[in-house]
Amino acid sequence: MDLIRKYATRGVGELVFDPKRRGIPFAIARRVEYYGFELESEREPVDVAPPADEAARLKREYAARRRAGASHGGAAVQSVEAAGVRTGHAVWRQAARARRKQTGQTTRAMMLIGERQNCG
């Protein structure tokens, strides 16, 4: 694991809205990634609130992500499907097909699964 951490990249801090924090509900989020896999993430509280327009934008983004995640399993389901596409497991393909039949929607991961099946 030490070798992986040695070559992992630490992302640039991003200002995010964090409603769990009292006082100033904003934090700096950072990720440590290795070839697209997140090894760890951390959030540091900020001492000074961002400007009003920046704060309003962050709150809108947070609300939009929550709404998107609540519909049809949202981001959690899509991340599982994307993992299935990367690993090529048949179980993920079956789950993606079942979801497509149930909702009538096609995610990016489902389109990639279709491309893989057509290729070979």
PDB file of N, CA and C in Angstrom:
ATOM      1  N   MET A   1       0.828  -1.194   0.000  1.00  0.00           N
ATOM      2  CA  MET A   1       0.000   0.000   0.000  1.00  0.00           C
ATOM      3  C   MET A   1       0.875   1.261   0.000  1.00  0.00           C
ATOM      4  N   ASP A   2       2.048   1.161   0.595  1.00  0.00           N
ATOM      5  CA  ASP A   2       2.932   2.323   0.623  1.00  0.00           C
ATOM      6  C   ASP A   2       3.368   2.722  -0.782  1.00  0.00           C
ATOM      7  N   LEU A   3       3.588   1.726  -1.630  1.00  0.00           N
ATOM      8  CA  LEU A   3       3.999   2.010  -3.000  1.00  0.00           C
ATOM      9  C   LEU A   3       2.875   2.701  -3.771  1.00  0.00           C
ATOM     10  N   ILE A   4       1.648   2.273  -3.529  1.00  0.00           N
ATOM     11  CA  ILE A   4       0.501   2.910  -4.179  1.00  0.00           C
ATOM     12  C   ILE A   4       0.383   4.358  -3.722  1.00  0.00           C
ATOM     13  N   ARG A   5       0.502   4.581  -2.432  1.00  0.00           N
ATOM     14  CA  ARG A   5       0.412   5.955  -1.915  1.00  0.00           C
ATOM     15  C   ARG A   5       1.532   6.839  -2.456  1.00  0.00           C
ATOM     16  N   LYS A   6       2.694   6.225  -2.688  1.00  0.00           N
ATOM     17  CA  LYS A   6       3.833   6.980  -3.206  1.00  0.00           C
ATOM     18  C   LYS A   6       3.507   7.598  -4.567  1.00  0.00           C
ATOM     19  N   TYR A   7       2.787   6.849  -5.415  1.00  0.00           N
ATOM     20  CA  TYR A   7       2.471   7.322  -6.759  1.00  0.00           C
ATOM     21  C   TYR A   7       1.063   7.886  -6.896  1.00  0.00           C
ATOM     22  N   ALA A   8       0.328   7.943  -5.825  1.00  0.00           N
ATOM     23  CA  ALA A   8      -1.019   8.517  -5.861  1.00  0.00           C
ATOM     24  C   ALA A   8      -0.921  10.027  -6.010  1.00  0.00           C
ATOM     25  N   THR A   9      -1.969  10.609  -6.575  1.00  0.00           N
ATOM     26  CA  THR A   9      -2.002  12.060  -6.731  1.00  0.00           C
ATOM     27  C   THR A   9      -2.997  12.663  -5.753  1.00  0.00           C
ATOM     28  N   ARG A  10      -2.616  13.763  -5.176  1.00  0.00           N
ATOM     29  CA  ARG A  10      -3.487  14.478  -4.243  1.00  0.00           C
ATOM     30  C   ARG A  10      -4.162  15.596  -5.020  1.00  0.00           C
ATOM     31  N   GLY A  11      -5.483  15.579  -5.015  1.00  0.00           N
ATOM     32  CA  GLY A  11      -6.252  16.554  -5.774  1.00  0.00           C
ATOM     33  C   GLY A  11      -6.193  17.947  -5.161  1.00  0.00           C
ATOM     34  N   VAL A  12      -6.522  18.894  -5.971  1.00  0.00           N
ATOM     35  CA  VAL A  12      -6.596  20.280  -5.522  1.00  0.00           C
ATOM     36  C   VAL A  12      -7.826  20.427  -4.641  1.00  0.00           C
ATOM     37  N   GLY A  13      -7.724  21.201  -3.594  1.00  0.00           N
ATOM     38  CA  GLY A  13      -8.854  21.421  -2.704  1.00  0.00           C
ATOM     39  C   GLY A  13     -10.001  22.122  -3.405  1.00  0.00           C
ATOM     40  N   GLU A  14     -11.201  21.679  -3.097  1.00  0.00           N
ATOM     41  CA  GLU A  14     -12.401  22.251  -3.712  1.00  0.00           C
ATOM     42  C   GLU A  14     -13.331  22.716  -2.596  1.00  0.00           C
ATOM     43  N   LEU A  15     -13.820  23.933  -2.703  1.00  0.00           N
ATOM     44  CA  LEU A  15     -14.748  24.467  -1.719  1.00  0.00           C
ATOM     45  C   LEU A  15     -16.110  23.810  -1.901  1.00  0.00           C
ATOM     46  N   VAL A  16     -16.661  23.223  -0.826  1.00  0.00           N
ATOM     47  CA  VAL A  16     -17.950  22.535  -0.893  1.00  0.00           C
ATOM     48  C   VAL A  16     -18.846  22.988   0.250  1.00  0.00           C
ATOM     49  N   PHE A  17     -20.143  22.829   0.038  1.00  0.00           N
ATOM     50  CA  PHE A  17     -21.134  23.113   1.069  1.00  0.00           C
ATOM     51  C   PHE A  17     -21.298  21.851   1.906  1.00  0.00           C
ATOM     52  N   ASP A  18     -21.167  21.969   3.224  1.00  0.00           N
ATOM     53  CA  ASP A  18     -21.274  20.818   4.120  1.00  0.00           C
ATOM     54  C   ASP A  18     -22.261  21.167   5.235  1.00  0.00           C
ATOM     55  N   PRO A  19     -23.536  20.781   5.086  1.00  0.00           N
ATOM     56  CA  PRO A  19     -24.558  21.185   6.053  1.00  0.00           C
ATOM     57  C   PRO A  19     -24.375  20.587   7.441  1.00  0.00           C
ATOM     58  N   LYS A  20     -23.508  19.596   7.581  1.00  0.00           N
ATOM     59  CA  LYS A  20     -23.282  18.982   8.890  1.00  0.00           C
ATOM     60  C   LYS A  20     -22.461  19.878   9.817  1.00  0.00           C
ATOM     61  N   ARG A  21     -21.776  20.821   9.244  1.00  0.00           N
ATOM     62  CA  ARG A  21     -20.921  21.703  10.053  1.00  0.00           C
ATOM     63  C   ARG A  21     -21.743  22.864  10.609  1.00  0.00           C
ATOM     64  N   ARG A  22     -21.523  23.123  11.867  1.00  0.00           N
ATOM     65  CA  ARG A  22     -22.205  24.260  12.507  1.00  0.00           C
ATOM     66  C   ARG A  22     -21.393  25.524  12.275  1.00  0.00           C
ATOM     67  N   GLY A  23     -22.049  26.633  12.383  1.00  0.00           N
ATOM     68  CA  GLY A  23     -21.356  27.895  12.158  1.00  0.00           C
ATOM     69  C   GLY A  23     -21.245  28.168  10.676  1.00  0.00           C
ATOM     70  N   ILE A  24     -20.051  27.995  10.137  1.00  0.00           N
ATOM     71  CA  ILE A  24     -19.824  28.208   8.711  1.00  0.00           C
ATOM     72  C   ILE A  24     -19.906  26.839   8.022  1.00  0.00           C
ATOM     73  N   PRO A  25     -20.980  26.575   7.268  1.00  0.00           N
ATOM     74  CA  PRO A  25     -21.181  25.236   6.695  1.00  0.00           C
ATOM     75  C   PRO A  25     -20.432  24.995   5.381  1.00  0.00           C
ATOM     76  N   PHE A  26     -19.182  25.389   5.319  1.00  0.00           N
ATOM     77  CA  PHE A  26     -18.375  25.195   4.128  1.00  0.00           C
ATOM     78  C   PHE A  26     -17.079  24.502   4.516  1.00  0.00           C
ATOM     79  N   ALA A  27     -16.517  23.763   3.589  1.00  0.00           N
ATOM     80  CA  ALA A  27     -15.278  23.036   3.847  1.00  0.00           C
ATOM     81  C   ALA A  27     -14.482  22.921   2.552  1.00  0.00           C
ATOM     82  N   ILE A  28     -13.216  22.597   2.704  1.00  0.00           N
ATOM     83  CA  ILE A  28     -12.349  22.312   1.567  1.00  0.00           C
ATOM     84  C   ILE A  28     -12.247  20.786   1.460  1.00  0.00           C
ATOM     85  N   ALA A  29     -12.651  20.223   0.339  1.00  0.00           N
ATOM     86  CA  ALA A  29     -12.607  18.770   0.124  1.00  0.00           C
ATOM     87  C   ALA A  29     -11.402  18.436  -0.751  1.00  0.00           C
ATOM     88  N   ARG A  30     -10.635  17.447  -0.312  1.00  0.00           N
ATOM     89  CA  ARG A  30      -9.473  16.972  -1.066  1.00  0.00           C
ATOM     90  C   ARG A  30      -9.550  15.465  -1.213  1.00  0.00           C
ATOM     91  N   ARG A  31      -9.037  14.951  -2.336  1.00  0.00           N
ATOM     92  CA  ARG A  31      -9.027  13.508  -2.592  1.00  0.00           C
ATOM     93  C   ARG A  31      -7.616  13.050  -2.923  1.00  0.00           C
ATOM     94  N   VAL A  32      -7.316  11.830  -2.508  1.00  0.00           N
ATOM     95  CA  VAL A  32      -6.083  11.171  -2.916  1.00  0.00           C
ATOM     96  C   VAL A  32      -6.506  10.046  -3.845  1.00  0.00           C
ATOM     97  N   GLU A  33      -6.038  10.089  -5.098  1.00  0.00           N
ATOM     98  CA  GLU A  33      -6.467   9.127  -6.105  1.00  0.00           C
ATOM     99  C   GLU A  33      -5.272   8.420  -6.721  1.00  0.00           C
ATOM    100  N   TYR A  34      -5.523   7.181  -7.135  1.00  0.00           N
ATOM    101  CA  TYR A  34      -4.528   6.396  -7.841  1.00  0.00           C
ATOM    102  C   TYR A  34      -5.214   5.763  -9.034  1.00  0.00           C
ATOM    103  N   TYR A  35      -4.905   6.221 -10.244  1.00  0.00           N
ATOM    104  CA  TYR A  35      -5.503   5.730 -11.482  1.00  0.00           C
ATOM    105  C   TYR A  35      -7.025   5.710 -11.427  1.00  0.00           C
ATOM    106  N   GLY A  36      -7.626   6.784 -10.950  1.00  0.00           N
ATOM    107  CA  GLY A  36      -9.073   6.904 -10.940  1.00  0.00           C
ATOM    108  C   GLY A  36      -9.755   6.326  -9.714  1.00  0.00           C
ATOM    109  N   PHE A  37      -9.011   5.618  -8.864  1.00  0.00           N
ATOM    110  CA  PHE A  37      -9.589   5.058  -7.653  1.00  0.00           C
ATOM    111  C   PHE A  37      -9.297   5.980  -6.487  1.00  0.00           C
ATOM    112  N   GLU A  38     -10.334   6.303  -5.748  1.00  0.00           N
ATOM    113  CA  GLU A  38     -10.173   7.200  -4.603  1.00  0.00           C
ATOM    114  C   GLU A  38      -9.657   6.399  -3.408  1.00  0.00           C
ATOM    115  N   LEU A  39      -8.461   6.758  -2.938  1.00  0.00           N
ATOM    116  CA  LEU A  39      -7.882   6.081  -1.785  1.00  0.00           C
ATOM    117  C   LEU A  39      -8.383   6.679  -0.483  1.00  0.00           C
ATOM    118  N   GLU A  40      -8.493   7.978  -0.454  1.00  0.00           N
ATOM    119  CA  GLU A  40      -9.015   8.646   0.737  1.00  0.00           C
ATOM    120  C   GLU A  40      -9.520  10.030   0.368  1.00  0.00           C
ATOM    121  N   SER A  41     -10.351  10.558   1.218  1.00  0.00           N
ATOM    122  CA  SER A  41     -10.831  11.924   1.039  1.00  0.00           C
ATOM    123  C   SER A  41     -10.893  12.575   2.414  1.00  0.00           C
ATOM    124  N   GLU A  42     -10.740  13.864   2.413  1.00  0.00           N
ATOM    125  CA  GLU A  42     -10.783  14.599   3.679  1.00  0.00           C
ATOM    126  C   GLU A  42     -11.462  15.935   3.470  1.00  0.00           C
ATOM    127  N   ARG A  43     -12.020  16.443   4.533  1.00  0.00           N
ATOM    128  CA  ARG A  43     -12.670  17.761   4.491  1.00  0.00           C
ATOM    129  C   ARG A  43     -12.143  18.599   5.635  1.00  0.00           C
ATOM    130  N   GLU A  44     -11.666  19.769   5.288  1.00  0.00           N
ATOM    131  CA  GLU A  44     -11.167  20.724   6.278  1.00  0.00           C
ATOM    132  C   GLU A  44     -12.174  21.861   6.397  1.00  0.00           C
ATOM    133  N   PRO A  45     -12.562  22.227   7.612  1.00  0.00           N
ATOM    134  CA  PRO A  45     -13.469  23.368   7.741  1.00  0.00           C
ATOM    135  C   PRO A  45     -12.749  24.664   7.367  1.00  0.00           C
ATOM    136  N   VAL A  46     -13.510  25.610   6.853  1.00  0.00           N
ATOM    137  CA  VAL A  46     -12.930  26.919   6.536  1.00  0.00           C
ATOM    138  C   VAL A  46     -13.301  27.889   7.646  1.00  0.00           C
ATOM    139  N   ASP A  47     -12.433  28.842   7.879  1.00  0.00           N
ATOM    140  CA  ASP A  47     -12.653  29.801   8.960  1.00  0.00           C
ATOM    141  C   ASP A  47     -13.469  31.004   8.524  1.00  0.00           C
ATOM    142  N   VAL A  48     -13.411  31.316   7.245  1.00  0.00           N
ATOM    143  CA  VAL A  48     -14.097  32.493   6.723  1.00  0.00           C
ATOM    144  C   VAL A  48     -15.087  32.045   5.647  1.00  0.00           C
ATOM    145  N   ALA A  49     -16.301  32.555   5.737  1.00  0.00           N
ATOM    146  CA  ALA A  49     -17.328  32.198   4.751  1.00  0.00           C
ATOM    147  C   ALA A  49     -16.964  32.794   3.394  1.00  0.00           C
ATOM    148  N   PRO A  50     -17.280  32.083   2.300  1.00  0.00           N
ATOM    149  CA  PRO A  50     -17.016  32.624   0.963  1.00  0.00           C
ATOM    150  C   PRO A  50     -17.967  33.783   0.659  1.00  0.00           C
ATOM    151  N   PRO A  51     -17.706  34.533  -0.405  1.00  0.00           N
ATOM    152  CA  PRO A  51     -18.623  35.619  -0.786  1.00  0.00           C
ATOM    153  C   PRO A  51     -20.042  35.082  -1.001  1.00  0.00           C
ATOM    154  N   ALA A  52     -21.017  35.956  -0.876  1.00  0.00           N
ATOM    155  CA  ALA A  52     -22.430  35.562  -0.920  1.00  0.00           C
ATOM    156  C   ALA A  52     -22.803  34.849  -2.222  1.00  0.00           C
ATOM    157  N   ASP A  53     -22.313  35.335  -3.370  1.00  0.00           N
ATOM    158  CA  ASP A  53     -22.671  34.690  -4.632  1.00  0.00           C
ATOM    159  C   ASP A  53     -22.049  33.296  -4.746  1.00  0.00           C
ATOM    160  N   GLU A  54     -20.828  33.131  -4.265  1.00  0.00           N
ATOM    161  CA  GLU A  54     -20.169  31.823  -4.255  1.00  0.00           C
ATOM    162  C   GLU A  54     -20.900  30.865  -3.311  1.00  0.00           C
ATOM    163  N   ALA A  55     -21.293  31.360  -2.145  1.00  0.00           N
ATOM    164  CA  ALA A  55     -22.020  30.532  -1.177  1.00  0.00           C
ATOM    165  C   ALA A  55     -23.361  30.079  -1.750  1.00  0.00           C
ATOM    166  N   ALA A  56     -24.062  30.966  -2.421  1.00  0.00           N
ATOM    167  CA  ALA A  56     -25.351  30.610  -3.019  1.00  0.00           C
ATOM    168  C   ALA A  56     -25.173  29.555  -4.110  1.00  0.00           C
ATOM    169  N   ARG A  57     -24.114  29.682  -4.921  1.00  0.00           N
ATOM    170  CA  ARG A  57     -23.844  28.700  -5.972  1.00  0.00           C
ATOM    171  C   ARG A  57     -23.557  27.323  -5.374  1.00  0.00           C
ATOM    172  N   LEU A  58     -22.754  27.288  -4.311  1.00  0.00           N
ATOM    173  CA  LEU A  58     -22.423  26.014  -3.673  1.00  0.00           C
ATOM    174  C   LEU A  58     -23.670  25.355  -3.064  1.00  0.00           C
ATOM    175  N   LYS A  59     -24.545  26.162  -2.486  1.00  0.00           N
ATOM    176  CA  LYS A  59     -25.785  25.616  -1.917  1.00  0.00           C
ATOM    177  C   LYS A  59     -26.691  25.057  -3.012  1.00  0.00           C
ATOM    178  N   ARG A  60     -26.766  25.754  -4.156  1.00  0.00           N
ATOM    179  CA  ARG A  60     -27.580  25.258  -5.273  1.00  0.00           C
ATOM    180  C   ARG A  60     -27.022  23.944  -5.812  1.00  0.00           C
ATOM    181  N   GLU A  61     -25.695  23.854  -5.949  1.00  0.00           N
ATOM    182  CA  GLU A  61     -25.072  22.616  -6.426  1.00  0.00           C
ATOM    183  C   GLU A  61     -25.342  21.470  -5.467  1.00  0.00           C
ATOM    184  N   TYR A  62     -25.257  21.733  -4.175  1.00  0.00           N
ATOM    185  CA  TYR A  62     -25.515  20.702  -3.174  1.00  0.00           C
ATOM    186  C   TYR A  62     -26.966  20.217  -3.276  1.00  0.00           C
ATOM    187  N   ALA A  63     -27.907  21.152  -3.398  1.00  0.00           N
ATOM    188  CA  ALA A  63     -29.321  20.783  -3.504  1.00  0.00           C
ATOM    189  C   ALA A  63     -29.580  19.992  -4.783  1.00  0.00           C
ATOM    190  N   ALA A  64     -28.944  20.373  -5.881  1.00  0.00           N
ATOM    191  CA  ALA A  64     -29.127  19.656  -7.148  1.00  0.00           C
ATOM    192  C   ALA A  64     -28.582  18.231  -7.049  1.00  0.00           C
ATOM    193  N   ARG A  65     -27.430  18.058  -6.399  1.00  0.00           N
ATOM    194  CA  ARG A  65     -26.875  16.715  -6.229  1.00  0.00           C
ATOM    195  C   ARG A  65     -27.771  15.843  -5.370  1.00  0.00           C
ATOM    196  N   ARG A  66     -28.355  16.426  -4.342  1.00  0.00           N
ATOM    197  CA  ARG A  66     -29.254  15.641  -3.477  1.00  0.00           C
ATOM    198  C   ARG A  66     -30.505  15.220  -4.240  1.00  0.00           C
ATOM    199  N   ARG A  67     -31.056  16.131  -5.052  1.00  0.00           N
ATOM    200  CA  ARG A  67     -32.240  15.777  -5.840  1.00  0.00           C
ATOM    201  C   ARG A  67     -31.910  14.705  -6.864  1.00  0.00           C
ATOM    202  N   ALA A  68     -30.772  14.833  -7.520  1.00  0.00           N
ATOM    203  CA  ALA A  68     -30.380  13.845  -8.532  1.00  0.00           C
ATOM    204  C   ALA A  68     -30.121  12.488  -7.886  1.00  0.00           C
ATOM    205  N   GLY A  69     -29.559  12.468  -6.698  1.00  0.00           N
ATOM    206  CA  GLY A  69     -29.272  11.216  -6.017  1.00  0.00           C
ATOM    207  C   GLY A  69     -30.508  10.538  -5.481  1.00  0.00           C
ATOM    208  N   ALA A  70     -31.569  11.284  -5.258  1.00  0.00           N
ATOM    209  CA  ALA A  70     -32.786  10.706  -4.695  1.00  0.00           C
ATOM    210  C   ALA A  70     -33.650  10.018  -5.748  1.00  0.00           C
ATOM    211  N   SER A  71     -33.484  10.377  -7.008  1.00  0.00           N
ATOM    212  CA  SER A  71     -34.351   9.804  -8.037  1.00  0.00           C
ATOM    213  C   SER A  71     -33.776   8.494  -8.567  1.00  0.00           C
ATOM    214  N   HIS A  72     -34.529   7.429  -8.469  1.00  0.00           N
ATOM    215  CA  HIS A  72     -34.186   6.110  -9.017  1.00  0.00           C
ATOM    216  C   HIS A  72     -32.852   5.580  -8.530  1.00  0.00           C
ATOM    217  N   GLY A  73     -32.479   5.861  -7.314  1.00  0.00           N
ATOM    218  CA  GLY A  73     -31.197   5.357  -6.836  1.00  0.00           C
ATOM    219  C   GLY A  73     -30.044   6.257  -7.216  1.00  0.00           C
ATOM    220  N   GLY A  74     -30.227   7.049  -8.227  1.00  0.00           N
ATOM    221  CA  GLY A  74     -29.319   8.100  -8.647  1.00  0.00           C
ATOM    222  C   GLY A  74     -27.849   7.760  -8.731  1.00  0.00           C
ATOM    223  N   ALA A  75     -27.043   8.592  -8.109  1.00  0.00           N
ATOM    224  CA  ALA A  75     -25.594   8.503  -8.254  1.00  0.00           C
ATOM    225  C   ALA A  75     -25.045   7.182  -7.745  1.00  0.00           C
ATOM    226  N   ALA A  76     -25.634   6.637  -6.691  1.00  0.00           N
ATOM    227  CA  ALA A  76     -25.136   5.377  -6.143  1.00  0.00           C
ATOM    228  C   ALA A  76     -25.274   4.257  -7.170  1.00  0.00           C
ATOM    229  N   VAL A  77     -26.417   4.183  -7.824  1.00  0.00           N
ATOM    230  CA  VAL A  77     -26.635   3.141  -8.821  1.00  0.00           C
ATOM    231  C   VAL A  77     -25.713   3.355 -10.009  1.00  0.00           C
ATOM    232  N   GLN A  78     -25.571   4.592 -10.446  1.00  0.00           N
ATOM    233  CA  GLN A  78     -24.718   4.857 -11.595  1.00  0.00           C
ATOM    234  C   GLN A  78     -23.262   4.536 -11.290  1.00  0.00           C
ATOM    235  N   SER A  79     -22.803   4.793 -10.058  1.00  0.00           N
ATOM    236  CA  SER A  79     -21.414   4.484  -9.738  1.00  0.00           C
ATOM    237  C   SER A  79     -21.197   2.980  -9.706  1.00  0.00           C
ATOM    238  N   VAL A  80     -22.183   2.223  -9.243  1.00  0.00           N
ATOM    239  CA  VAL A  80     -22.067   0.761  -9.250  1.00  0.00           C
ATOM    240  C   VAL A  80     -22.038   0.256 -10.693  1.00  0.00           C
ATOM    241  N   GLU A  81     -22.892   0.813 -11.543  1.00  0.00           N
ATOM    242  CA  GLU A  81     -22.902   0.409 -12.944  1.00  0.00           C
ATOM    243  C   GLU A  81     -21.576   0.734 -13.612  1.00  0.00           C
ATOM    244  N   ALA A  82     -21.019   1.901 -13.321  1.00  0.00           N
ATOM    245  CA  ALA A  82     -19.740   2.284 -13.910  1.00  0.00           C
ATOM    246  C   ALA A  82     -18.635   1.340 -13.450  1.00  0.00           C
ATOM    247  N   ALA A  83     -18.667   0.930 -12.191  1.00  0.00           N
ATOM    248  CA  ALA A  83     -17.683  -0.036 -11.697  1.00  0.00           C
ATOM    249  C   ALA A  83     -17.819  -1.347 -12.452  1.00  0.00           C
ATOM    250  N   GLY A  84     -19.041  -1.736 -12.730  1.00  0.00           N
ATOM    251  CA  GLY A  84     -19.270  -2.958 -13.497  1.00  0.00           C
ATOM    252  C   GLY A  84     -18.731  -2.853 -14.899  1.00  0.00           C
ATOM    253  N   VAL A  85     -18.846  -1.674 -15.500  1.00  0.00           N
ATOM    254  CA  VAL A  85     -18.324  -1.479 -16.845  1.00  0.00           C
ATOM    255  C   VAL A  85     -16.807  -1.606 -16.827  1.00  0.00           C
ATOM    256  N   ARG A  86     -16.159  -1.012 -15.818  1.00  0.00           N
ATOM    257  CA  ARG A  86     -14.703  -1.082 -15.744  1.00  0.00           C
ATOM    258  C   ARG A  86     -14.219  -2.511 -15.533  1.00  0.00           C
ATOM    259  N   THR A  87     -14.928  -3.272 -14.700  1.00  0.00           N
ATOM    260  CA  THR A  87     -14.469  -4.620 -14.385  1.00  0.00           C
ATOM    261  C   THR A  87     -15.027  -5.653 -15.342  1.00  0.00           C
ATOM    262  N   GLY A  88     -16.126  -5.367 -16.030  1.00  0.00           N
ATOM    263  CA  GLY A  88     -16.688  -6.269 -17.010  1.00  0.00           C
ATOM    264  C   GLY A  88     -17.466  -7.436 -16.427  1.00  0.00           C
ATOM    265  N   HIS A  89     -17.926  -7.319 -15.215  1.00  0.00           N
ATOM    266  CA  HIS A  89     -18.657  -8.414 -14.588  1.00  0.00           C
ATOM    267  C   HIS A  89     -20.051  -8.569 -15.190  1.00  0.00           C
ATOM    268  N   ALA A  90     -20.437  -9.806 -15.417  1.00  0.00           N
ATOM    269  CA  ALA A  90     -21.754 -10.103 -15.977  1.00  0.00           C
ATOM    270  C   ALA A  90     -22.859  -9.708 -15.015  1.00  0.00           C
ATOM    271  N   VAL A  91     -22.589  -9.763 -13.711  1.00  0.00           N
ATOM    272  CA  VAL A  91     -23.600  -9.407 -12.717  1.00  0.00           C
ATOM    273  C   VAL A  91     -24.012  -7.950 -12.891  1.00  0.00           C
ATOM    274  N   TRP A  92     -23.035  -7.087 -13.147  1.00  0.00           N
ATOM    275  CA  TRP A  92     -23.336  -5.666 -13.318  1.00  0.00           C
ATOM    276  C   TRP A  92     -24.165  -5.453 -14.570  1.00  0.00           C
ATOM    277  N   ARG A  93     -23.844  -6.202 -15.599  1.00  0.00           N
ATOM    278  CA  ARG A  93     -24.603  -6.062 -16.840  1.00  0.00           C
ATOM    279  C   ARG A  93     -26.062  -6.439 -16.626  1.00  0.00           C
ATOM    280  N   GLN A  94     -26.282  -7.528 -15.890  1.00  0.00           N
ATOM    281  CA  GLN A  94     -27.655  -7.954 -15.626  1.00  0.00           C
ATOM    282  C   GLN A  94     -28.397  -6.900 -14.814  1.00  0.00           C
ATOM    283  N   ALA A  95     -27.730  -6.322 -13.821  1.00  0.00           N
ATOM    284  CA  ALA A  95     -28.368  -5.284 -13.004  1.00  0.00           C
ATOM    285  C   ALA A  95     -28.686  -4.056 -13.848  1.00  0.00           C
ATOM    286  N   ALA A  96     -27.784  -3.698 -14.759  1.00  0.00           N
ATOM    287  CA  ALA A  96     -28.018  -2.534 -15.617  1.00  0.00           C
ATOM    288  C   ALA A  96     -29.195  -2.784 -16.555  1.00  0.00           C
ATOM    289  N   ARG A  97     -29.270  -3.995 -17.110  1.00  0.00           N
ATOM    290  CA  ARG A  97     -30.397  -4.311 -17.982  1.00  0.00           C
ATOM    291  C   ARG A  97     -31.716  -4.248 -17.222  1.00  0.00           C
ATOM    292  N   ALA A  98     -31.725  -4.798 -16.008  1.00  0.00           N
ATOM    293  CA  ALA A  98     -32.946  -4.784 -15.196  1.00  0.00           C
ATOM    294  C   ALA A  98     -33.360  -3.357 -14.882  1.00  0.00           C
ATOM    295  N   ARG A  99     -32.393  -2.507 -14.578  1.00  0.00           N
ATOM    296  CA  ARG A  99     -32.724  -1.105 -14.279  1.00  0.00           C
ATOM    297  C   ARG A  99     -33.265  -0.398 -15.514  1.00  0.00           C
ATOM    298  N   ARG A 100     -32.656  -0.688 -16.668  1.00  0.00           N
ATOM    299  CA  ARG A 100     -33.116  -0.059 -17.909  1.00  0.00           C
ATOM    300  C   ARG A 100     -34.556  -0.468 -18.205  1.00  0.00           C
ATOM    301  N   LYS A 101     -34.879  -1.745 -18.006  1.00  0.00           N
ATOM    302  CA  LYS A 101     -36.250  -2.205 -18.229  1.00  0.00           C
ATOM    303  C   LYS A 101     -37.215  -1.567 -17.246  1.00  0.00           C
ATOM    304  N   GLN A 102     -36.767  -1.417 -16.002  1.00  0.00           N
ATOM    305  CA  GLN A 102     -37.638  -0.885 -14.950  1.00  0.00           C
ATOM    306  C   GLN A 102     -37.912   0.597 -15.137  1.00  0.00           C
ATOM    307  N   THR A 103     -36.895   1.373 -15.442  1.00  0.00           N
ATOM    308  CA  THR A 103     -37.050   2.829 -15.487  1.00  0.00           C
ATOM    309  C   THR A 103     -37.211   3.383 -16.894  1.00  0.00           C
ATOM    310  N   GLY A 104     -36.753   2.637 -17.885  1.00  0.00           N
ATOM    311  CA  GLY A 104     -36.814   3.148 -19.253  1.00  0.00           C
ATOM    312  C   GLY A 104     -35.737   4.172 -19.530  1.00  0.00           C
ATOM    313  N   GLN A 105     -34.792   4.328 -18.604  1.00  0.00           N
ATOM    314  CA  GLN A 105     -33.723   5.299 -18.771  1.00  0.00           C
ATOM    315  C   GLN A 105     -32.419   4.586 -19.108  1.00  0.00           C
ATOM    316  N   THR A 106     -31.555   5.289 -19.789  1.00  0.00           N
ATOM    317  CA  THR A 106     -30.252   4.745 -20.124  1.00  0.00           C
ATOM    318  C   THR A 106     -29.192   5.690 -19.568  1.00  0.00           C
ATOM    319  N   THR A 107     -28.312   5.160 -18.737  1.00  0.00           N
ATOM    320  CA  THR A 107     -27.210   5.961 -18.205  1.00  0.00           C
ATOM    321  C   THR A 107     -26.000   5.776 -19.099  1.00  0.00           C
ATOM    322  N   ARG A 108     -24.965   6.561 -18.856  1.00  0.00           N
ATOM    323  CA  ARG A 108     -23.733   6.453 -19.630  1.00  0.00           C
ATOM    324  C   ARG A 108     -23.131   5.063 -19.461  1.00  0.00           C
ATOM    325  N   ALA A 109     -23.189   4.536 -18.252  1.00  0.00           N
ATOM    326  CA  ALA A 109     -22.646   3.201 -18.001  1.00  0.00           C
ATOM    327  C   ALA A 109     -23.382   2.153 -18.813  1.00  0.00           C
ATOM    328  N   MET A 110     -24.694   2.299 -18.941  1.00  0.00           N
ATOM    329  CA  MET A 110     -25.470   1.335 -19.717  1.00  0.00           C
ATOM    330  C   MET A 110     -25.089   1.392 -21.189  1.00  0.00           C
ATOM    331  N   MET A 111     -24.817   2.602 -21.692  1.00  0.00           N
ATOM    332  CA  MET A 111     -24.412   2.728 -23.080  1.00  0.00           C
ATOM    333  C   MET A 111     -23.066   2.047 -23.304  1.00  0.00           C
ATOM    334  N   LEU A 112     -22.132   2.194 -22.343  1.00  0.00           N
ATOM    335  CA  LEU A 112     -20.847   1.540 -22.463  1.00  0.00           C
ATOM    336  C   LEU A 112     -20.987   0.028 -22.416  1.00  0.00           C
ATOM    337  N   ILE A 113     -21.893  -0.469 -21.593  1.00  0.00           N
ATOM    338  CA  ILE A 113     -22.131  -1.903 -21.528  1.00  0.00           C
ATOM    339  C   ILE A 113     -22.625  -2.406 -22.877  1.00  0.00           C
ATOM    340  N   GLY A 114     -23.522  -1.668 -23.514  1.00  0.00           N
ATOM    341  CA  GLY A 114     -24.023  -2.038 -24.822  1.00  0.00           C
ATOM    342  C   GLY A 114     -22.912  -2.068 -25.861  1.00  0.00           C
ATOM    343  N   GLU A 115     -21.993  -1.089 -25.803  1.00  0.00           N
ATOM    344  CA  GLU A 115     -20.882  -1.054 -26.745  1.00  0.00           C
ATOM    345  C   GLU A 115     -19.970  -2.255 -26.553  1.00  0.00           C
ATOM    346  N   ARG A 116     -19.728  -2.631 -25.286  1.00  0.00           N
ATOM    347  CA  ARG A 116     -18.864  -3.772 -25.002  1.00  0.00           C
ATOM    348  C   ARG A 116     -19.465  -5.064 -25.522  1.00  0.00           C
ATOM    349  N   GLN A 117     -20.773  -5.210 -25.357  1.00  0.00           N
ATOM    350  CA  GLN A 117     -21.419  -6.437 -25.799  1.00  0.00           C
ATOM    351  C   GLN A 117     -21.405  -6.549 -27.320  1.00  0.00           C
ATOM    352  N   ASN A 118     -21.528  -5.418 -27.990  1.00  0.00           N
ATOM    353  CA  ASN A 118     -21.514  -5.442 -29.451  1.00  0.00           C
ATOM    354  C   ASN A 118     -20.120  -5.714 -30.016  1.00  0.00           C
ATOM    355  N   CYS A 119     -19.086  -5.393 -29.232  1.00  0.00           N
ATOM    356  CA  CYS A 119     -17.714  -5.574 -29.709  1.00  0.00           C
ATOM    357  C   CYS A 119     -17.242  -7.018 -29.609  1.00  0.00           C
ATOM    358  N   GLY A 120     -17.766  -7.763 -28.681  1.00  0.00           N
ATOM    359  CA  GLY A 120     -17.183  -9.082 -28.613  1.00  0.00           C
ATOM    360  C   GLY A 120     -17.853  -9.950 -27.664  1.00  0.00           C
TER     361      GLY A 120
END
